[in-house]
């Protein structure tokens, strides 16, 4: 852990050095915002918030995503990232402890007019869940969520509160376009409600769904999907044999038939666990939608439809697995 702390400290020293060079005029990096358009400039920290914000903003504001292909745990800010934040009018974040880099990045950007909105703060405490605190690895970084589970964008009621927070922040920042922001936010909320209504309840999921990390509590509640647990003991992409045997026994007793694997990780661990459980255990892709596909023609940008596309793909994968279970069940 000491080595990780040292690497983080060195990364921030490099960031401050690069930022100082940019501010003094020696940097050559281009402005990530491009030419001035007169529109308000909005940065969202992660992909789902970028998608919500871009759909609400429409053509009335310029929206960018700080993190596209990297999640918040793997993020090492650069001077170019700080410059993006330095040019923004509004910073939309998740909060709830997800963006560990947030305060340092804002200080390094030196943007005193910047308003920061932590959308997770809008969610009533009764709708928040506790993280289990189980350590797990993102690459070579050990992560342990403690306190509130921050993966709120995967729950429909929670995401609606985030959208309302984004809507209100845009209306306050840019009153001339407030009516458009309200109308588009209402449309996004209705889309979410429709997805939930059309996908609520999955029959024949056996003992429930095992996930790669414990990040799908809100998702499971929103769609009536029981979460049986998460794969534990991961170090990088491996799991110890003793831990594998113990978890296989535990999930076998729960009659688990389905394991979800994030697309950023190989399926080998989940497939080994499925074989150890025995029976007809399926392994499917299940995306936490923290990251997305960077647009080829625009820096710091993801297609605003990405969130809805990946959410529906998760649901389709589970529904197909449930249908296969039904077909394999003896009559």
Protein backbone atom coordinates (compact mmCIF):
# COMPACT_ATOMS: atom_id res chain seq x y z
CA UNK A 1 0.00 0.00 0.00
CA UNK A 2 2.92 2.32 0.75
CA UNK A 3 4.15 1.85 -2.81
CA UNK A 4 0.73 2.78 -4.17
CA UNK A 5 0.65 5.93 -2.01
CA UNK A 6 4.10 6.90 -3.30
CA UNK A 7 3.02 6.41 -6.92
CA UNK A 8 -0.08 8.55 -6.37
CA UNK A 9 2.03 11.28 -4.77
CA UNK A 10 4.46 11.25 -7.69
CA UNK A 11 1.56 11.39 -10.15
CA UNK A 12 0.19 14.51 -8.48
CA UNK A 13 3.64 16.13 -8.42
CA UNK A 14 3.91 15.50 -12.16
CA UNK A 15 0.41 16.91 -12.68
CA UNK A 16 1.19 20.11 -10.77
CA UNK A 17 4.45 20.48 -12.66
CA UNK A 18 2.79 20.06 -16.04
CA UNK A 19 -0.01 22.41 -15.08
CA UNK A 20 2.48 25.03 -13.96
CA UNK A 21 4.25 24.69 -17.30
CA UNK A 22 0.95 25.16 -19.16
CA UNK A 23 0.00 28.20 -17.09
CA UNK A 24 3.40 29.76 -17.76
CA UNK A 25 2.96 29.30 -21.49
CA UNK A 26 5.43 26.50 -22.18
CA UNK A 27 2.78 23.85 -22.84
CA UNK A 28 1.88 22.96 -26.40
CA UNK A 29 -1.29 20.95 -25.79
CA UNK A 30 -4.35 22.20 -27.62
CA UNK A 31 -7.39 23.53 -25.81
CA UNK A 32 -9.61 20.47 -25.16
CA UNK A 33 -12.71 22.66 -25.62
CA UNK A 34 -11.79 23.97 -29.05
CA UNK A 35 -13.03 27.35 -30.32
CA UNK A 36 -15.45 29.38 -28.24
CA UNK A 37 -19.09 28.89 -29.24
CA UNK A 38 -20.82 31.01 -26.61
CA UNK A 39 -22.42 27.91 -25.08
CA UNK A 40 -21.99 26.94 -21.45
CA UNK A 41 -19.29 24.34 -20.93
CA UNK A 42 -20.16 21.32 -18.82
CA UNK A 43 -17.83 18.51 -17.67
CA UNK A 44 -19.20 15.24 -16.33
CA UNK A 45 -16.87 13.02 -14.35
CA UNK A 46 -17.97 9.57 -15.59
CA UNK A 47 -19.74 8.16 -18.62
CA UNK A 48 -23.28 7.65 -17.24
CA UNK A 49 -23.40 11.23 -15.95
CA UNK A 50 -22.03 12.46 -19.27
CA UNK A 51 -24.80 10.61 -21.11
CA UNK A 52 -27.51 12.05 -18.84
CA UNK A 53 -26.07 15.56 -19.10
CA UNK A 54 -25.61 15.48 -22.87
CA UNK A 55 -29.17 14.23 -23.41
CA UNK A 56 -30.56 16.98 -21.17
CA UNK A 57 -28.34 19.70 -22.65
CA UNK A 58 -29.14 18.94 -26.28
CA UNK A 59 -27.64 21.65 -28.48
CA UNK A 60 -27.87 24.32 -25.79
CA UNK A 61 -24.61 23.49 -23.98
CA UNK A 62 -21.24 21.90 -24.72
CA UNK A 63 -20.83 18.70 -22.66
CA UNK A 64 -17.62 16.72 -22.21
CA UNK A 65 -16.69 13.58 -20.26
CA UNK A 66 -13.55 13.60 -18.12
CA UNK A 67 -13.31 9.80 -17.93
CA UNK A 68 -14.21 7.82 -21.01
CA UNK A 69 -12.26 4.57 -21.34
CA UNK A 70 -10.86 4.57 -17.77
CA UNK A 71 -12.77 4.18 -14.55
CA UNK A 72 -12.32 6.47 -11.55
CA UNK A 73 -10.08 3.99 -9.72
CA UNK A 74 -7.58 3.81 -12.59
CA UNK A 75 -7.54 7.53 -13.34
CA UNK A 76 -4.29 9.51 -13.15
CA UNK A 77 -5.09 13.14 -14.08
CA UNK A 78 -2.90 14.94 -16.58
CA UNK A 79 -2.37 18.63 -17.24
CA UNK A 80 -4.68 18.26 -20.23
CA UNK A 81 -7.42 16.94 -17.94
CA UNK A 82 -6.88 19.90 -15.61
CA UNK A 83 -7.17 22.23 -18.57
CA UNK A 84 -10.54 20.71 -19.46
CA UNK A 85 -11.79 21.44 -15.94
CA UNK A 86 -10.19 24.90 -16.00
CA UNK A 87 -12.34 25.83 -19.00
CA UNK A 88 -15.65 24.50 -17.62
CA UNK A 89 -18.57 26.40 -16.13
CA UNK A 90 -20.07 23.37 -14.37
CA UNK A 91 -18.67 20.05 -13.15
CA UNK A 92 -21.21 17.21 -12.78
CA UNK A 93 -19.94 14.47 -10.46
CA UNK A 94 -21.29 11.36 -8.78
CA UNK A 95 -19.98 11.98 -5.28
CA UNK A 96 -20.51 9.33 -2.57
CA UNK A 97 -16.76 8.79 -2.47
CA UNK A 98 -16.40 7.58 -6.07
CA UNK A 99 -14.16 10.33 -7.47
CA UNK A 100 -11.20 10.13 -5.11
CA UNK A 101 -9.25 12.53 -7.32
CA UNK A 102 -11.90 15.27 -7.33
CA UNK A 103 -10.67 17.85 -4.83
CA UNK A 104 -7.05 17.74 -5.96
CA UNK A 105 -8.01 18.03 -9.63
CA UNK A 106 -10.26 21.02 -8.97
CA UNK A 107 -7.50 22.75 -7.00
CA UNK A 108 -4.98 22.11 -9.74
CA UNK A 109 -7.37 23.48 -12.40
CA UNK A 110 -7.56 26.79 -10.56
CA UNK A 111 -11.08 27.52 -11.86
CA UNK A 112 -12.64 29.68 -9.13
CA UNK A 113 -15.89 30.23 -11.03
CA UNK A 114 -16.48 26.48 -11.41
CA UNK A 115 -19.62 25.10 -9.78
CA UNK A 116 -19.43 21.46 -8.70
CA UNK A 117 -22.58 19.35 -8.38
CA UNK A 118 -22.42 16.00 -6.58
CA UNK A 119 -25.51 14.30 -7.95
CA UNK A 120 -25.39 11.49 -5.41
CA UNK A 121 -26.16 14.03 -2.69
CA UNK A 122 -29.63 14.48 -4.23
CA UNK A 123 -30.62 10.87 -3.53
CA UNK A 124 -32.61 10.35 -0.30
CA UNK A 125 -30.68 8.32 2.29
CA UNK A 126 -33.44 5.68 2.31
CA UNK A 127 -32.56 4.85 -1.32
CA UNK A 128 -28.84 4.42 -0.67
CA UNK A 129 -27.14 1.13 0.17
CA UNK A 130 -24.02 0.28 2.09
CA UNK A 131 -20.96 -1.07 0.32
CA UNK A 132 -19.72 -4.36 1.70
CA UNK A 133 -16.13 -3.12 1.96
CA UNK A 134 -14.73 -6.26 0.35
CA UNK A 135 -11.30 -5.43 -1.18
CA UNK A 136 -10.99 -6.13 -4.89
CA UNK A 137 -8.53 -5.24 -7.60
CA UNK A 138 -8.88 -2.87 -10.54
CA UNK A 139 -5.80 -3.89 -12.48
CA UNK A 140 -3.04 -3.74 -9.85
CA UNK A 141 -4.89 -1.29 -7.58
CA UNK A 142 -6.62 -2.59 -4.47
CA UNK A 143 -10.01 -0.91 -3.98
CA UNK A 144 -12.39 -1.19 -1.05
CA UNK A 145 -15.65 0.76 -1.08
CA UNK A 146 -16.67 1.63 2.46
CA UNK A 147 -19.76 3.48 3.56
CA UNK A 148 -22.28 4.19 0.82
CA UNK A 149 -22.26 2.09 -2.34
CA UNK A 150 -21.51 4.73 -5.04
CA UNK A 151 -22.82 2.80 -8.09
CA UNK A 152 -26.14 4.65 -7.97
CA UNK A 153 -26.48 5.24 -11.74
CA UNK A 154 -27.34 1.54 -12.11
CA UNK A 155 -30.55 1.95 -10.13
CA UNK A 156 -33.54 3.56 -11.84
CA UNK A 157 -34.91 5.57 -8.86
CA UNK A 158 -31.41 6.71 -7.96
CA UNK A 159 -30.56 7.71 -11.54
CA UNK A 160 -33.75 9.76 -11.74
CA UNK A 161 -32.64 11.81 -8.74
CA UNK A 162 -29.27 12.34 -10.43
CA UNK A 163 -31.00 13.54 -13.60
CA UNK A 164 -33.08 15.99 -11.59
CA UNK A 165 -29.92 17.35 -9.97
CA UNK A 166 -28.32 17.81 -13.40
CA UNK A 167 -31.46 19.48 -14.77
CA UNK A 168 -31.64 21.96 -11.90
CA UNK A 169 -27.94 22.80 -12.15
CA UNK A 170 -28.25 23.50 -15.90
CA UNK A 171 -31.34 25.65 -15.39
CA UNK A 172 -29.59 27.69 -12.73
CA UNK A 173 -26.45 28.10 -14.83
CA UNK A 174 -28.25 28.93 -18.08
CA UNK A 175 -31.77 30.34 -17.44
CA UNK A 176 -32.47 31.31 -21.10
CA UNK A 177 -32.46 27.60 -22.01
CA UNK A 178 -34.19 26.32 -18.87
CA UNK A 179 -37.39 25.22 -20.62
CA UNK A 180 -35.43 23.01 -23.00
CA UNK A 181 -33.44 21.47 -20.16
CA UNK A 182 -36.62 20.66 -18.26
CA UNK A 183 -38.33 19.12 -21.27
CA UNK A 184 -35.37 16.96 -22.21
CA UNK A 185 -34.81 15.85 -18.61
CA UNK A 186 -38.44 14.76 -18.41
CA UNK A 187 -37.98 12.74 -21.60
CA UNK A 188 -34.87 11.00 -20.19
CA UNK A 189 -36.71 10.18 -16.97
CA UNK A 190 -39.62 8.71 -18.91
CA UNK A 191 -37.20 6.57 -20.91
CA UNK A 192 -35.72 5.19 -17.68
CA UNK A 193 -39.15 4.44 -16.26
CA UNK A 194 -40.11 2.63 -19.46
CA UNK A 195 -36.95 0.49 -19.37
CA UNK A 196 -37.74 -0.46 -15.79
CA UNK A 197 -41.37 -1.24 -16.53
CA UNK A 198 -40.53 -3.39 -19.53
CA UNK A 199 -37.81 -5.36 -17.74
CA UNK A 200 -39.05 -5.81 -14.20
CA UNK A 201 -38.78 -9.36 -12.91
CA UNK A 202 -36.82 -12.28 -14.38
CA UNK A 203 -38.25 -15.74 -13.77
CA UNK A 204 -36.12 -18.81 -13.21
CA UNK A 205 -32.80 -17.19 -12.23
CA UNK A 206 -32.08 -20.00 -9.81
CA UNK A 207 -30.35 -18.76 -6.68
CA UNK A 208 -29.68 -15.34 -8.16
CA UNK A 209 -26.89 -13.52 -9.93
CA UNK A 210 -23.22 -13.52 -8.89
CA UNK A 211 -21.34 -10.42 -10.05
CA UNK A 212 -17.66 -9.80 -10.63
CA UNK A 213 -17.62 -6.92 -8.15
CA UNK A 214 -20.25 -5.90 -5.63
CA UNK A 215 -21.60 -3.02 -7.74
CA UNK A 216 -25.06 -4.17 -8.86
CA UNK A 217 -27.18 -3.78 -5.73
CA UNK A 218 -29.21 -0.86 -7.13
CA UNK A 219 -29.53 -2.59 -10.50
CA UNK A 220 -30.83 -5.77 -8.88
CA UNK A 221 -33.42 -3.90 -6.84
CA UNK A 222 -34.64 -1.91 -9.84
CA UNK A 223 -35.32 -4.97 -11.99
CA UNK A 224 -36.21 -7.62 -9.43
CA UNK A 225 -32.94 -9.52 -9.92
CA UNK A 226 -31.67 -11.25 -6.75
CA UNK A 227 -27.95 -10.69 -6.21
CA UNK A 228 -26.45 -13.81 -4.62
CA UNK A 229 -23.03 -12.26 -4.03
CA UNK A 230 -19.82 -11.22 -5.73
CA UNK A 231 -16.62 -13.06 -6.61
CA UNK A 232 -14.17 -12.47 -3.76
CA UNK A 233 -10.41 -12.76 -3.38
CA UNK A 234 -9.45 -11.38 -6.78
CA UNK A 235 -5.85 -10.26 -7.17
CA UNK A 236 -5.42 -8.82 -10.62
CA UNK A 237 -7.20 -11.41 -12.73
CA UNK A 238 -6.65 -14.42 -10.46
CA UNK A 239 -8.33 -16.08 -7.50
CA UNK A 240 -6.71 -18.50 -5.07
CA UNK A 241 -7.68 -22.17 -5.25
CA UNK A 242 -8.86 -22.35 -1.63
CA UNK A 243 -11.02 -19.24 -2.10
CA UNK A 244 -12.40 -20.66 -5.34
CA UNK A 245 -13.43 -23.92 -3.66
CA UNK A 246 -15.04 -22.09 -0.75
CA UNK A 247 -17.05 -19.76 -2.99
CA UNK A 248 -18.10 -22.60 -5.28
CA UNK A 249 -19.48 -24.48 -2.26
CA UNK A 250 -21.28 -21.36 -1.02
CA UNK A 251 -22.87 -20.56 -4.39
CA UNK A 252 -23.77 -24.22 -5.00
CA UNK A 253 -25.75 -24.20 -1.77
CA UNK A 254 -27.56 -21.07 -2.98
CA UNK A 255 -28.31 -22.84 -6.29
CA UNK A 256 -26.60 -20.09 -8.30
CA UNK A 257 -26.95 -20.53 -12.05
CA UNK A 258 -25.68 -17.20 -13.37
CA UNK A 259 -22.41 -15.23 -13.11
CA UNK A 260 -21.93 -11.77 -14.62
CA UNK A 261 -18.51 -10.59 -15.76
CA UNK A 262 -17.58 -6.99 -16.53
CA UNK A 263 -16.39 -6.62 -20.14
CA UNK A 264 -13.17 -4.95 -18.93
CA UNK A 265 -12.03 -8.24 -17.38
CA UNK A 266 -11.38 -11.71 -18.83
CA UNK A 267 -13.97 -14.43 -18.22
CA UNK A 268 -11.48 -17.04 -17.03
CA UNK A 269 -12.06 -16.54 -13.29
CA UNK A 270 -15.85 -16.68 -13.70
CA UNK A 271 -15.65 -19.72 -15.95
CA UNK A 272 -13.43 -21.53 -13.43
CA UNK A 273 -15.92 -20.70 -10.70
CA UNK A 274 -18.84 -21.88 -12.85
CA UNK A 275 -17.14 -25.23 -13.45
CA UNK A 276 -16.40 -25.59 -9.75
CA UNK A 277 -20.05 -24.90 -8.85
CA UNK A 278 -21.14 -27.53 -11.34
CA UNK A 279 -24.42 -27.91 -13.15
CA UNK A 280 -25.62 -25.54 -15.86
CA UNK A 281 -24.04 -22.29 -14.58
CA UNK A 282 -23.91 -19.60 -17.27
CA UNK A 283 -21.38 -16.77 -17.55
CA UNK A 284 -22.64 -13.57 -19.16
CA UNK A 285 -21.32 -10.05 -19.77
CA UNK A 286 -22.59 -7.48 -17.29
CA UNK A 287 -21.35 -3.91 -17.73
CA UNK A 288 -21.30 -1.50 -14.74
CA UNK A 289 -21.27 1.31 -17.34
CA UNK A 290 -18.53 3.29 -15.59
CA UNK A 291 -16.64 3.59 -18.87
CA UNK A 292 -17.52 3.93 -22.54
CA UNK A 293 -16.24 4.14 -26.08
CA UNK A 294 -14.36 7.36 -26.80
CA UNK A 295 -15.77 9.17 -29.86
CA UNK A 296 -13.40 9.08 -32.82
CA UNK A 297 -14.11 12.67 -33.88
CA UNK A 298 -14.37 14.43 -30.52
CA UNK A 299 -12.07 14.43 -27.51
CA UNK A 300 -13.55 13.78 -24.06
CA UNK A 301 -16.81 12.55 -25.56
CA UNK A 302 -18.97 9.41 -25.61
CA UNK A 303 -22.17 8.86 -27.58
CA UNK A 304 -24.97 10.06 -25.23
CA UNK A 305 -26.95 6.88 -26.03
CA UNK A 306 -24.19 4.68 -24.59
CA UNK A 307 -25.78 4.40 -21.15
CA UNK A 308 -29.16 3.25 -22.47
CA UNK A 309 -27.53 0.89 -24.96
CA UNK A 310 -25.40 -0.83 -22.32
CA UNK A 311 -28.20 -0.92 -19.75
CA UNK A 312 -30.48 -2.67 -22.23
CA UNK A 313 -27.70 -5.03 -23.26
CA UNK A 314 -27.23 -6.06 -19.62
CA UNK A 315 -30.95 -6.76 -19.33
CA UNK A 316 -31.05 -8.66 -22.63
CA UNK A 317 -28.11 -10.83 -21.55
CA UNK A 318 -29.88 -11.74 -18.30
CA UNK A 319 -33.19 -12.37 -20.07
CA UNK A 320 -31.52 -14.68 -22.61
CA UNK A 321 -29.82 -16.58 -19.78
CA UNK A 322 -33.15 -16.91 -17.94
CA UNK A 323 -34.79 -18.25 -21.10
CA UNK A 324 -32.02 -20.83 -21.48
CA UNK A 325 -32.51 -21.91 -17.86
CA UNK A 326 -36.22 -22.35 -18.49
CA UNK A 327 -35.53 -24.45 -21.59
CA UNK A 328 -33.09 -26.67 -19.66
CA UNK A 329 -35.38 -27.19 -16.65
CA UNK A 330 -36.79 -30.74 -16.64
CA UNK A 331 -40.54 -30.88 -17.10
